[in-house]
């Protein structure tokens, strides 16, 4: 691994309070009828589309970094579920119960 220099310019950072965000973990079904672990996300009233999108990207990045190397599922996000709503879901490779439970365990790390 090589070291990369830290840029010398400063970029303004916006901080958003996501403390009132509601996360609900469910085991749904994909359009193909297989198990689909998903995390439904409801942000506080007044949250913008960009805030919803940013939170979904942050969650997806965390899940990608915590996915074991042997898992072949795909982490997806959907920002257009409704106002202030989005979801993260896993497209499972095998779609069996064991993989679904491993996926649920991964999504559960976002619940704290």
C-alpha atoms as a PDB file:
ATOM      1  CA  UNK A   1       0.000   0.000   0.000  1.00  0.00           C
ATOM      2  CA  UNK A   2       1.389   3.410  -0.886  1.00  0.00           C
ATOM      3  CA  UNK A   3       0.897   6.663   0.945  1.00  0.00           C
ATOM      4  CA  UNK A   4      -0.948   9.494  -0.706  1.00  0.00           C
ATOM      5  CA  UNK A   5      -0.285  13.112   0.152  1.00  0.00           C
ATOM      6  CA  UNK A   6      -3.107  14.979   1.853  1.00  0.00           C
ATOM      7  CA  UNK A   7      -4.347  17.883  -0.278  1.00  0.00           C
ATOM      8  CA  UNK A   8      -3.340  21.296   1.027  1.00  0.00           C
ATOM      9  CA  UNK A   9      -6.625  23.056   0.200  1.00  0.00           C
ATOM     10  CA  UNK A  10      -9.563  23.290   2.603  1.00  0.00           C
ATOM     11  CA  UNK A  11     -13.063  22.303   1.530  1.00  0.00           C
ATOM     12  CA  UNK A  12     -16.051  23.536   3.517  1.00  0.00           C
ATOM     13  CA  UNK A  13     -17.908  20.678   5.193  1.00  0.00           C
ATOM     14  CA  UNK A  14     -21.625  20.790   5.892  1.00  0.00           C
ATOM     15  CA  UNK A  15     -22.796  18.985   9.023  1.00  0.00           C
ATOM     16  CA  UNK A  16     -26.332  17.587   9.071  1.00  0.00           C
ATOM     17  CA  UNK A  17     -28.104  16.239  12.156  1.00  0.00           C
ATOM     18  CA  UNK A  18     -29.411  12.745  11.370  1.00  0.00           C
ATOM     19  CA  UNK A  19     -30.253  11.934  15.006  1.00  0.00           C
ATOM     20  CA  UNK A  20     -34.010  11.784  14.326  1.00  0.00           C
ATOM     21  CA  UNK A  21     -33.626   9.360  11.430  1.00  0.00           C
ATOM     22  CA  UNK A  22     -35.723   6.194  11.740  1.00  0.00           C
ATOM     23  CA  UNK A  23     -34.122   2.930  10.552  1.00  0.00           C
ATOM     24  CA  UNK A  24     -36.203  -0.220  10.100  1.00  0.00           C
ATOM     25  CA  UNK A  25     -34.591  -3.559   9.241  1.00  0.00           C
ATOM     26  CA  UNK A  26     -36.774  -6.020   7.302  1.00  0.00           C
ATOM     27  CA  UNK A  27     -36.390  -9.152   5.249  1.00  0.00           C
ATOM     28  CA  UNK A  28     -38.359  -8.429   2.115  1.00  0.00           C
ATOM     29  CA  UNK A  29     -38.662 -10.140  -1.239  1.00  0.00           C
ATOM     30  CA  UNK A  30     -36.941  -9.162  -4.467  1.00  0.00           C
ATOM     31  CA  UNK A  31     -38.854  -8.823  -7.721  1.00  0.00           C
ATOM     32  CA  UNK A  32     -37.715 -12.394  -8.428  1.00  0.00           C
ATOM     33  CA  UNK A  33     -39.244 -13.694  -5.198  1.00  0.00           C
ATOM     34  CA  UNK A  34     -35.973 -14.324  -3.359  1.00  0.00           C
ATOM     35  CA  UNK A  35     -35.135 -12.992   0.096  1.00  0.00           C
ATOM     36  CA  UNK A  36     -33.934  -9.398   0.154  1.00  0.00           C
ATOM     37  CA  UNK A  37     -32.516  -7.900   3.354  1.00  0.00           C
ATOM     38  CA  UNK A  38     -33.283  -4.211   3.464  1.00  0.00           C
ATOM     39  CA  UNK A  39     -33.032  -1.185   5.701  1.00  0.00           C
ATOM     40  CA  UNK A  40     -35.791   1.398   5.318  1.00  0.00           C
ATOM     41  CA  UNK A  41     -34.711   4.932   6.206  1.00  0.00           C
ATOM     42  CA  UNK A  42     -36.979   7.849   7.133  1.00  0.00           C
ATOM     43  CA  UNK A  43     -35.324  11.209   7.673  1.00  0.00           C
ATOM     44  CA  UNK A  44     -36.703  14.099   9.694  1.00  0.00           C
ATOM     45  CA  UNK A  45     -39.295  16.348   8.021  1.00  0.00           C
ATOM     46  CA  UNK A  46     -37.652  18.984   5.864  1.00  0.00           C
ATOM     47  CA  UNK A  47     -34.712  16.794   4.845  1.00  0.00           C
ATOM     48  CA  UNK A  48     -33.709  17.363   1.240  1.00  0.00           C
ATOM     49  CA  UNK A  49     -33.176  14.844  -1.519  1.00  0.00           C
ATOM     50  CA  UNK A  50     -29.425  15.517  -1.351  1.00  0.00           C
ATOM     51  CA  UNK A  51     -29.347  14.840   2.389  1.00  0.00           C
ATOM     52  CA  UNK A  52     -31.210  11.569   1.846  1.00  0.00           C
ATOM     53  CA  UNK A  53     -28.844  10.638  -0.966  1.00  0.00           C
ATOM     54  CA  UNK A  54     -25.767  11.522   1.110  1.00  0.00           C
ATOM     55  CA  UNK A  55     -26.953   9.375   4.012  1.00  0.00           C
ATOM     56  CA  UNK A  56     -27.647   6.421   1.701  1.00  0.00           C
ATOM     57  CA  UNK A  57     -24.182   6.733   0.146  1.00  0.00           C
ATOM     58  CA  UNK A  58     -22.594   6.903   3.598  1.00  0.00           C
ATOM     59  CA  UNK A  59     -24.467   3.801   4.759  1.00  0.00           C
ATOM     60  CA  UNK A  60     -23.675   1.930   1.528  1.00  0.00           C
ATOM     61  CA  UNK A  61     -19.967   2.765   1.880  1.00  0.00           C
ATOM     62  CA  UNK A  62     -19.945   1.492   5.453  1.00  0.00           C
ATOM     63  CA  UNK A  63     -21.645  -1.736   4.367  1.00  0.00           C
ATOM     64  CA  UNK A  64     -19.203  -2.227   1.485  1.00  0.00           C
ATOM     65  CA  UNK A  65     -16.260  -1.822   3.852  1.00  0.00           C
ATOM     66  CA  UNK A  66     -17.770  -4.296   6.337  1.00  0.00           C
ATOM     67  CA  UNK A  67     -18.813  -6.963   3.816  1.00  0.00           C
ATOM     68  CA  UNK A  68     -16.651 -10.086   4.146  1.00  0.00           C
ATOM     69  CA  UNK A  69     -14.563 -10.766   1.020  1.00  0.00           C
ATOM     70  CA  UNK A  70     -16.270 -14.107   0.371  1.00  0.00           C
ATOM     71  CA  UNK A  71     -19.777 -12.565   0.030  1.00  0.00           C
ATOM     72  CA  UNK A  72     -20.963 -11.917  -3.519  1.00  0.00           C
ATOM     73  CA  UNK A  73     -24.079  -9.837  -2.881  1.00  0.00           C
ATOM     74  CA  UNK A  74     -24.520  -6.358  -4.304  1.00  0.00           C
ATOM     75  CA  UNK A  75     -25.357  -3.424  -2.058  1.00  0.00           C
ATOM     76  CA  UNK A  76     -27.971  -1.156  -3.627  1.00  0.00           C
ATOM     77  CA  UNK A  77     -29.722   2.014  -2.530  1.00  0.00           C
ATOM     78  CA  UNK A  78     -33.005   3.590  -3.563  1.00  0.00           C
ATOM     79  CA  UNK A  79     -33.408   7.284  -2.823  1.00  0.00           C
ATOM     80  CA  UNK A  80     -36.825   7.728  -4.405  1.00  0.00           C
ATOM     81  CA  UNK A  81     -39.003   5.667  -2.062  1.00  0.00           C
ATOM     82  CA  UNK A  82     -40.892   8.788  -0.929  1.00  0.00           C
ATOM     83  CA  UNK A  83     -40.377  12.212   0.649  1.00  0.00           C
ATOM     84  CA  UNK A  84     -37.527  11.992   3.186  1.00  0.00           C
ATOM     85  CA  UNK A  85     -37.336   8.235   2.574  1.00  0.00           C
ATOM     86  CA  UNK A  86     -34.860   5.827   1.103  1.00  0.00           C
ATOM     87  CA  UNK A  87     -33.676   2.282   1.482  1.00  0.00           C
ATOM     88  CA  UNK A  88     -30.564   0.173   1.288  1.00  0.00           C
ATOM     89  CA  UNK A  89     -30.980  -3.416   0.172  1.00  0.00           C
ATOM     90  CA  UNK A  90     -28.876  -6.393  -0.756  1.00  0.00           C
ATOM     91  CA  UNK A  91     -29.181  -8.255  -4.031  1.00  0.00           C
ATOM     92  CA  UNK A  92     -28.153 -11.689  -2.844  1.00  0.00           C
ATOM     93  CA  UNK A  93     -25.982 -13.938  -5.008  1.00  0.00           C
ATOM     94  CA  UNK A  94     -27.467 -17.242  -3.843  1.00  0.00           C
ATOM     95  CA  UNK A  95     -30.735 -16.062  -2.327  1.00  0.00           C
ATOM     96  CA  UNK A  96     -30.853 -18.823   0.273  1.00  0.00           C
ATOM     97  CA  UNK A  97     -31.858 -18.415   3.927  1.00  0.00           C
ATOM     98  CA  UNK A  98     -28.292 -18.595   5.229  1.00  0.00           C
ATOM     99  CA  UNK A  99     -27.106 -15.788   2.943  1.00  0.00           C
ATOM    100  CA  UNK A 100     -30.184 -13.726   3.824  1.00  0.00           C
ATOM    101  CA  UNK A 101     -29.409 -14.041   7.542  1.00  0.00           C
ATOM    102  CA  UNK A 102     -25.785 -13.018   6.966  1.00  0.00           C
ATOM    103  CA  UNK A 103     -27.076 -10.017   5.031  1.00  0.00           C
ATOM    104  CA  UNK A 104     -29.481  -9.109   7.815  1.00  0.00           C
ATOM    105  CA  UNK A 105     -26.591  -9.274  10.290  1.00  0.00           C
ATOM    106  CA  UNK A 106     -24.568  -6.912   8.092  1.00  0.00           C
ATOM    107  CA  UNK A 107     -27.422  -4.394   7.816  1.00  0.00           C
ATOM    108  CA  UNK A 108     -27.960  -4.652  11.559  1.00  0.00           C
ATOM    109  CA  UNK A 109     -24.572  -2.974  12.188  1.00  0.00           C
ATOM    110  CA  UNK A 110     -26.129   0.287  10.985  1.00  0.00           C
ATOM    111  CA  UNK A 111     -28.694   0.134  13.783  1.00  0.00           C
ATOM    112  CA  UNK A 112     -25.935   0.589  16.326  1.00  0.00           C
END
